[in-house]
Amino acid sequence: MLFGWERVHPVIHYLATIMVAFDANLSTFWILVANSWLQTPVGGEMVDGKFIVSDYFQAISNPFMVKSVSSHMFFATLETSLFVIGGISAWYILNNRYQVFFARSLKIVLAAAIAVTPLQIYIGHLSAEQVAHYQPTKLAAMEAKWETSPAGQPADWSLLALPDEAGQKNTWEITIPNGLGYILEFKKNLSEPVRGLKEWAPSARPRMVGLIYYSFRIMSGIGFFLG
């Protein structure tokens, strides 16, 4: 694809480009299938400390796979590609080079980004709901939530905080009252409690809560910024 430009027929070069894109997505699929399986391992059982897979199709189509691979990461790569192409197109236009071609390119990218970006934010929300269902400890770390909010009691959402793992608390934080309740179920009264990190022994909790907390916010912030 890289070295065949103007050396082979345009149709052949176009097919080569499609194959590279297909192979890249196929590789991404299997990598993320493996990662999603680690989050929700199914399709087998533990035998003598080892997980023995008996149903490979069930393992591949584990609960995390569809939203993690088919939706969230696919749209993430698509959204990133759109903004990269948009940036390149804008650079050429600002430098008065191939303006007709790149003006058309920029228009197509902007139209696609308007559709893809809000959809990616919504799919990201669905992935977070999935984490809340299957991995409550990860949710608690993502939100630096130490205390449990009982069922029916709205959980506050931590906007910014400084987690203190040794003290099992946040040294300081800015919260939005009832915010986490709305994010998780779009309603004030939750049908289930939102469990805090203190519900689990320190050895069973995710490590480096602060890193998890701010990594999640940086990722979400980039998504909303692009939106």
Protein backbone atom coordinates (compact mmCIF):
# COMPACT_ATOMS: atom_id res chain seq x y z
CA MET A 1 0.00 0.00 0.00
CA LEU A 2 2.77 2.46 0.94
CA PHE A 3 5.18 1.76 -1.90
CA GLY A 4 2.70 0.88 -4.62
CA TRP A 5 1.44 4.42 -5.14
CA GLU A 6 1.65 5.20 -8.90
CA ARG A 7 3.48 1.90 -9.44
CA VAL A 8 0.42 -0.34 -9.74
CA HIS A 9 -3.05 0.21 -11.18
CA PRO A 10 -5.21 2.47 -8.94
CA VAL A 11 -7.75 -0.32 -8.48
CA ILE A 12 -5.04 -2.68 -7.20
CA HIS A 13 -3.72 -0.01 -4.87
CA TYR A 14 -7.25 0.64 -3.59
CA LEU A 15 -7.77 -3.08 -2.91
CA ALA A 16 -4.44 -3.21 -1.08
CA THR A 17 -5.57 -0.30 1.11
CA ILE A 18 -8.83 -2.09 1.91
CA MET A 19 -6.96 -5.27 2.84
CA VAL A 20 -4.61 -3.37 5.18
CA ALA A 21 -7.60 -1.76 6.90
CA PHE A 22 -9.39 -5.11 7.14
CA ASP A 23 -6.35 -6.85 8.60
CA ALA A 24 -5.83 -4.08 11.14
CA ASN A 25 -9.43 -4.38 12.31
CA LEU A 26 -9.19 -8.17 12.41
CA SER A 27 -6.12 -7.93 14.61
CA THR A 28 -7.91 -5.42 16.84
CA PHE A 29 -10.88 -7.77 17.10
CA TRP A 30 -8.84 -10.69 18.44
CA ILE A 31 -6.81 -8.54 20.82
CA LEU A 32 -9.96 -7.03 22.31
CA VAL A 33 -11.75 -10.39 22.39
CA ALA A 34 -8.92 -11.66 24.58
CA ASN A 35 -9.06 -8.54 26.76
CA SER A 36 -12.84 -8.67 27.13
CA TRP A 37 -12.66 -12.37 28.01
CA LEU A 38 -10.28 -11.48 30.85
CA GLN A 39 -13.00 -9.17 32.19
CA THR A 40 -15.78 -11.77 31.92
CA PRO A 41 -14.25 -15.26 31.49
CA VAL A 42 -16.83 -17.78 30.25
CA GLY A 43 -16.87 -20.91 28.12
CA GLY A 44 -15.07 -23.23 30.51
CA GLU A 45 -14.16 -23.94 34.11
CA MET A 46 -11.29 -23.81 36.56
CA VAL A 47 -9.40 -27.11 36.87
CA ASP A 48 -6.45 -27.34 39.27
CA GLY A 49 -5.92 -23.58 39.16
CA LYS A 50 -6.15 -23.35 35.36
CA PHE A 51 -9.08 -22.19 33.24
CA ILE A 52 -9.91 -24.90 30.68
CA VAL A 53 -11.94 -23.61 27.73
CA SER A 54 -14.59 -26.07 26.54
CA ASP A 55 -16.67 -23.75 24.34
CA TYR A 56 -14.54 -21.40 22.26
CA PHE A 57 -17.53 -19.67 20.66
CA GLN A 58 -18.94 -18.81 24.08
CA ALA A 59 -15.52 -17.58 25.19
CA ILE A 60 -15.23 -15.36 22.11
CA SER A 61 -18.77 -13.98 22.49
CA ASN A 62 -18.35 -13.24 26.20
CA PRO A 63 -20.56 -10.51 27.75
CA PHE A 64 -17.95 -7.76 27.36
CA MET A 65 -17.13 -8.55 23.74
CA VAL A 66 -20.04 -6.94 21.88
CA LYS A 67 -19.93 -3.53 23.55
CA SER A 68 -16.15 -3.50 24.00
CA VAL A 69 -15.17 -4.65 20.51
CA SER A 70 -18.06 -4.26 18.10
CA SER A 71 -19.17 -0.90 19.43
CA HIS A 72 -16.97 1.09 21.79
CA MET A 73 -13.51 0.42 20.33
CA PHE A 74 -14.69 0.35 16.72
CA PHE A 75 -16.22 3.80 17.05
CA ALA A 76 -13.20 5.00 19.04
CA THR A 77 -10.84 4.10 16.19
CA LEU A 78 -13.26 5.54 13.64
CA GLU A 79 -13.59 8.79 15.60
CA THR A 80 -9.81 9.10 16.01
CA SER A 81 -9.27 8.48 12.29
CA LEU A 82 -11.82 11.14 11.38
CA PHE A 83 -10.10 13.79 13.49
CA VAL A 84 -6.66 12.85 12.13
CA ILE A 85 -7.91 13.13 8.55
CA GLY A 86 -9.71 16.36 9.44
CA GLY A 87 -6.52 17.83 10.91
CA ILE A 88 -4.48 16.89 7.84
CA SER A 89 -7.14 18.35 5.55
CA ALA A 90 -7.25 21.59 7.54
CA TRP A 91 -3.44 21.87 7.39
CA TYR A 92 -3.42 21.59 3.61
CA ILE A 93 -6.23 24.14 3.29
CA LEU A 94 -4.45 26.64 5.57
CA ASN A 95 -1.28 26.24 3.52
CA ASN A 96 -3.14 26.74 0.21
CA ARG A 97 -2.25 23.30 -1.12
CA TYR A 98 -4.72 21.10 -3.05
CA GLN A 99 -7.56 23.13 -1.57
CA VAL A 100 -10.36 21.66 -3.70
CA PHE A 101 -9.51 18.08 -2.77
CA PHE A 102 -8.95 18.72 0.93
CA ALA A 103 -11.97 21.01 1.26
CA ARG A 104 -14.11 18.09 0.10
CA SER A 105 -12.22 15.76 2.47
CA LEU A 106 -12.81 18.10 5.41
CA LYS A 107 -16.54 18.39 4.67
CA ILE A 108 -16.93 14.60 4.58
CA VAL A 109 -14.98 14.20 7.83
CA LEU A 110 -17.01 16.87 9.65
CA ALA A 111 -20.30 15.31 8.54
CA ALA A 112 -19.16 11.87 9.71
CA ALA A 113 -17.77 13.20 13.01
CA ILE A 114 -21.06 14.93 13.84
CA ALA A 115 -22.76 11.53 13.63
CA VAL A 116 -20.04 9.34 15.16
CA THR A 117 -18.92 11.41 18.17
CA PRO A 118 -22.23 11.63 20.09
CA LEU A 119 -22.85 7.96 19.35
CA GLN A 120 -19.45 7.06 20.78
CA ILE A 121 -20.23 8.97 23.99
CA TYR A 122 -23.48 7.03 24.39
CA ILE A 123 -21.78 3.69 23.70
CA GLY A 124 -19.14 4.61 26.27
CA HIS A 125 -21.93 5.08 28.78
CA LEU A 126 -23.25 1.61 27.97
CA SER A 127 -19.78 0.19 28.59
CA ALA A 128 -19.69 1.91 31.98
CA GLU A 129 -23.05 0.35 32.86
CA GLN A 130 -21.54 -3.01 31.93
CA VAL A 131 -18.63 -2.38 34.30
CA ALA A 132 -21.11 -1.52 37.07
CA HIS A 133 -22.89 -4.83 36.51
CA TYR A 134 -19.93 -7.21 36.14
CA GLN A 135 -17.08 -5.40 37.90
CA PRO A 136 -18.36 -3.30 40.82
CA THR A 137 -14.86 -3.08 42.31
CA LYS A 138 -13.59 -1.47 39.11
CA LEU A 139 -16.51 0.98 39.13
CA ALA A 140 -15.74 1.92 42.73
CA ALA A 141 -12.10 2.56 41.79
CA MET A 142 -13.07 4.53 38.67
CA GLU A 143 -15.19 6.78 40.89
CA ALA A 144 -12.89 6.71 43.96
CA LYS A 145 -15.98 5.67 45.92
CA TRP A 146 -15.11 4.31 49.37
CA GLU A 147 -18.48 4.21 51.10
CA THR A 148 -21.52 2.23 49.91
CA SER A 149 -24.69 4.06 48.88
CA PRO A 150 -27.66 1.89 49.96
CA ALA A 151 -30.39 0.91 47.51
CA GLY A 152 -32.85 3.73 47.03
CA GLN A 153 -30.35 6.37 48.12
CA PRO A 154 -28.90 8.43 45.26
CA ALA A 155 -25.13 8.14 44.89
CA ASP A 156 -23.12 11.32 44.46
CA TRP A 157 -20.76 11.61 41.50
CA SER A 158 -17.16 12.58 42.16
CA LEU A 159 -16.07 15.20 39.65
CA LEU A 160 -12.52 15.61 41.01
CA ALA A 161 -10.85 14.03 44.01
CA LEU A 162 -7.55 13.09 45.60
CA PRO A 163 -7.82 9.40 46.61
CA ASP A 164 -5.96 8.26 49.72
CA GLU A 165 -5.65 4.47 49.61
CA ALA A 166 -3.91 4.20 52.97
CA GLY A 167 -6.63 6.20 54.70
CA GLN A 168 -9.43 4.62 52.59
CA LYS A 169 -10.91 8.00 51.78
CA ASN A 170 -10.56 10.99 49.50
CA THR A 171 -8.41 13.75 50.95
CA TRP A 172 -10.60 16.25 49.13
CA GLU A 173 -13.21 16.03 46.40
CA ILE A 174 -15.75 17.94 44.40
CA THR A 175 -19.00 16.02 44.02
CA ILE A 176 -22.26 16.46 42.15
CA PRO A 177 -25.17 15.38 44.39
CA ASN A 178 -27.08 12.36 43.04
CA GLY A 179 -24.92 12.49 39.89
CA LEU A 180 -23.75 8.88 39.83
CA GLY A 181 -27.32 7.68 40.29
CA TYR A 182 -28.39 9.56 37.18
CA ILE A 183 -25.37 8.35 35.20
CA LEU A 184 -25.95 4.69 36.04
CA GLU A 185 -29.70 4.48 35.62
CA PHE A 186 -30.93 7.93 34.61
CA LYS A 187 -33.11 8.03 37.69
CA LYS A 188 -32.77 9.13 41.28
CA ASN A 189 -33.64 5.95 43.18
CA LEU A 190 -31.35 3.05 42.38
CA SER A 191 -32.76 -0.45 42.58
CA GLU A 192 -29.41 -1.78 43.88
CA PRO A 193 -26.76 -0.33 46.20
CA VAL A 194 -23.68 1.29 44.69
CA ARG A 195 -20.91 -0.48 46.56
CA GLY A 196 -17.84 1.34 47.82
CA LEU A 197 -14.28 0.03 47.98
CA LYS A 198 -14.57 -0.65 51.70
CA GLU A 199 -16.94 -3.50 50.85
CA TRP A 200 -13.90 -5.53 49.78
CA ALA A 201 -10.70 -6.41 51.60
CA PRO A 202 -7.69 -4.30 50.51
CA SER A 203 -6.19 -7.35 48.76
CA ALA A 204 -9.33 -7.70 46.60
CA ARG A 205 -9.42 -4.05 45.49
CA PRO A 206 -7.83 -2.61 42.35
CA ARG A 207 -4.45 -1.05 43.02
CA MET A 208 -3.49 2.58 42.26
CA VAL A 209 -7.01 3.95 42.65
CA GLY A 210 -5.82 7.46 41.82
CA LEU A 211 -4.37 6.34 38.49
CA ILE A 212 -7.58 4.50 37.57
CA TYR A 213 -9.70 7.44 38.70
CA TYR A 214 -7.90 10.06 36.62
CA SER A 215 -7.23 7.81 33.62
CA PHE A 216 -10.97 7.28 33.31
CA ARG A 217 -11.63 11.02 33.55
CA ILE A 218 -8.97 11.86 30.97
CA MET A 219 -10.47 9.32 28.58
CA SER A 220 -14.00 10.63 29.12
CA GLY A 221 -12.80 14.22 28.91
CA ILE A 222 -11.17 13.63 25.53
CA GLY A 223 -14.41 12.07 24.26
CA PHE A 224 -16.51 15.04 25.36
CA PHE A 225 -13.89 17.52 24.09
CA LEU A 226 -14.04 15.97 20.63
CA GLY A 227 -17.82 16.05 20.86
